[in-house]
Amino acid sequence: MPIAEAVSDALETPIEELPPLSRAIDLDALDAVMTHKRSDDVTVTFSYAGLRVLIHSTNTVYVRPLHRGDNHPL
């Protein structure tokens, strides 16, 4: 799963030690939103394991700390 892999890499923590992703976001709803229309430009942002996770409809996953000192939203 790209989300878990991205978070695991960012935290330098094995995927098995991360909390279940389903505690942070409804996975069925995420799948429905991201696969509804491939031509739509969709971005979903949520918090998971102390990180802000942004998923773009191109299947790109970005992770950042929840709080950054430079006041950027992501």
Protein backbone atom coordinates (compact mmCIF):
# COMPACT_ATOMS: atom_id res chain seq x y z
CA MET A 1 0.00 0.00 0.00
CA PRO A 2 1.62 3.29 -1.12
CA ILE A 3 0.33 5.26 1.90
CA ALA A 4 1.77 2.90 4.49
CA GLU A 5 5.05 2.66 2.57
CA ALA A 6 5.39 6.45 2.35
CA VAL A 7 4.65 6.90 6.05
CA SER A 8 6.95 4.02 6.98
CA ASP A 9 9.77 5.59 4.98
CA ALA A 10 9.19 9.06 6.42
CA LEU A 11 9.17 7.78 10.00
CA GLU A 12 11.85 5.15 9.42
CA THR A 13 9.50 2.69 11.08
CA PRO A 14 8.51 -0.77 9.82
CA ILE A 15 5.01 -0.86 8.34
CA GLU A 16 4.05 -3.53 10.88
CA GLU A 17 4.64 -1.05 13.71
CA LEU A 18 2.35 1.65 12.29
CA PRO A 19 -1.21 1.98 13.59
CA PRO A 20 -3.93 0.60 11.30
CA LEU A 21 -4.58 3.07 8.49
CA SER A 22 -8.31 2.49 8.96
CA ARG A 23 -8.10 4.38 12.26
CA ALA A 24 -7.17 7.53 10.33
CA ILE A 25 -9.40 7.33 7.27
CA ASP A 26 -12.28 5.28 5.86
CA LEU A 27 -10.45 3.17 3.28
CA ASP A 28 -13.58 2.31 1.29
CA ALA A 29 -14.49 5.99 1.01
CA LEU A 30 -10.92 6.87 0.03
CA ASP A 31 -10.98 4.24 -2.69
CA ALA A 32 -14.34 5.48 -3.97
CA VAL A 33 -13.16 9.09 -4.12
CA MET A 34 -9.84 8.31 -5.75
CA THR A 35 -11.25 5.96 -8.40
CA HIS A 36 -14.52 7.76 -9.18
CA LYS A 37 -13.38 9.51 -12.37
CA ARG A 38 -9.79 9.28 -13.47
CA SER A 39 -10.16 12.61 -15.31
CA ASP A 40 -11.00 14.44 -12.07
CA ASP A 41 -8.20 16.24 -10.24
CA VAL A 42 -8.71 14.97 -6.68
CA THR A 43 -6.60 15.50 -3.57
CA VAL A 44 -7.31 13.98 -0.15
CA THR A 45 -5.49 15.13 2.97
CA PHE A 46 -5.62 13.53 6.42
CA SER A 47 -3.52 12.99 9.53
CA TYR A 48 -1.91 9.63 10.22
CA ALA A 49 0.82 8.53 12.64
CA GLY A 50 1.80 12.10 13.44
CA LEU A 51 2.07 13.09 9.79
CA ARG A 52 -0.05 15.00 7.31
CA VAL A 53 -0.74 12.71 4.35
CA LEU A 54 -1.77 14.11 0.97
CA ILE A 55 -2.87 11.77 -1.79
CA HIS A 56 -3.36 13.07 -5.31
CA SER A 57 -5.49 11.38 -7.98
CA THR A 58 -2.27 10.60 -9.87
CA ASN A 59 -1.52 8.11 -7.03
CA THR A 60 1.18 10.40 -5.69
CA VAL A 61 1.51 10.32 -1.90
CA TYR A 62 3.16 13.13 0.07
CA VAL A 63 3.86 13.03 3.80
CA ARG A 64 4.95 15.89 6.05
CA PRO A 65 5.07 16.50 9.79
CA LEU A 66 1.76 17.76 11.17
CA HIS A 67 3.40 20.95 12.39
CA ARG A 68 6.05 22.72 10.36
CA GLY A 69 7.86 25.79 11.58
CA ASP A 70 7.52 27.58 8.26
CA ASN A 71 3.69 27.87 8.38
CA HIS A 72 3.12 25.95 5.14
CA PRO A 73 -0.15 23.97 5.21
CA LEU A 74 1.61 20.80 4.04
